[in-house]
């Protein structure tokens, strides 16, 4: 899979990422490896919505 498959809209991206993290029981590292995307790309896009990754909960809050 690749970054091209990720939603462009930040709210859709948030939903997609959190759903995959939850359903597939992935860490952010694993998610990023699966989609061949740098963590900072995801983190920066979702930070614009005031969401931060919580390692303990394994989701953006």
Protein backbone atom coordinates (compact mmCIF):
# COMPACT_ATOMS: atom_id res chain seq x y z
CA UNK A 1 0.00 0.00 0.00
CA UNK A 2 1.08 3.56 -0.43
CA UNK A 3 0.44 7.09 0.70
CA UNK A 4 -1.64 7.70 -2.46
CA UNK A 5 -4.34 5.49 -0.93
CA UNK A 6 -4.69 7.68 2.16
CA UNK A 7 -7.52 10.22 2.33
CA UNK A 8 -6.47 13.77 1.48
CA UNK A 9 -9.08 15.45 3.68
CA UNK A 10 -7.66 15.80 7.23
CA UNK A 11 -10.89 14.68 8.97
CA UNK A 12 -11.20 11.64 6.72
CA UNK A 13 -7.53 10.89 7.34
CA UNK A 14 -8.09 11.06 11.09
CA UNK A 15 -10.99 8.64 10.87
CA UNK A 16 -9.10 6.29 8.55
CA UNK A 17 -5.93 6.24 10.65
CA UNK A 18 -7.70 5.72 13.98
CA UNK A 19 -9.91 3.01 12.51
CA UNK A 20 -6.94 1.11 11.10
CA UNK A 21 -4.95 1.52 14.31
CA UNK A 22 -7.89 0.15 16.29
CA UNK A 23 -9.16 -2.59 13.98
CA UNK A 24 -5.77 -3.90 12.90
CA UNK A 25 -4.21 -3.38 16.35
CA UNK A 26 -1.34 -1.42 14.82
CA UNK A 27 1.09 1.04 16.29
CA UNK A 28 1.68 4.27 14.39
CA UNK A 29 5.05 2.84 13.29
CA UNK A 30 3.37 -0.23 11.84
CA UNK A 31 0.67 1.83 10.14
CA UNK A 32 3.26 4.10 8.52
CA UNK A 33 5.32 1.14 7.35
CA UNK A 34 2.21 -0.47 5.84
CA UNK A 35 1.38 2.70 3.89
CA UNK A 36 4.99 3.66 3.17
CA UNK A 37 4.58 7.10 4.73
CA UNK A 38 6.73 9.00 7.19
CA UNK A 39 5.21 9.40 10.65
CA UNK A 40 5.83 13.13 10.62
CA UNK A 41 3.57 13.49 7.56
CA UNK A 42 0.62 11.95 9.41
CA UNK A 43 1.43 13.71 12.68
CA UNK A 44 1.74 17.14 11.01
CA UNK A 45 -1.49 16.78 9.02
CA UNK A 46 -3.48 15.76 12.10
CA UNK A 47 -1.80 18.37 14.29
CA UNK A 48 -3.49 20.98 12.10
CA UNK A 49 -6.76 19.66 13.56
CA UNK A 50 -5.26 19.78 17.08
CA UNK A 51 -4.93 15.99 17.29
CA UNK A 52 -1.90 14.33 18.81
CA UNK A 53 -0.90 10.68 18.81
CA UNK A 54 -1.24 8.98 22.19
CA UNK A 55 1.13 6.00 22.32
CA UNK A 56 -0.63 4.43 25.29
CA UNK A 57 -4.05 4.53 23.64
CA UNK A 58 -2.64 3.94 20.14
CA UNK A 59 -4.81 6.62 18.57
CA UNK A 60 -4.97 10.28 17.77
CA UNK A 61 -6.88 12.28 20.38
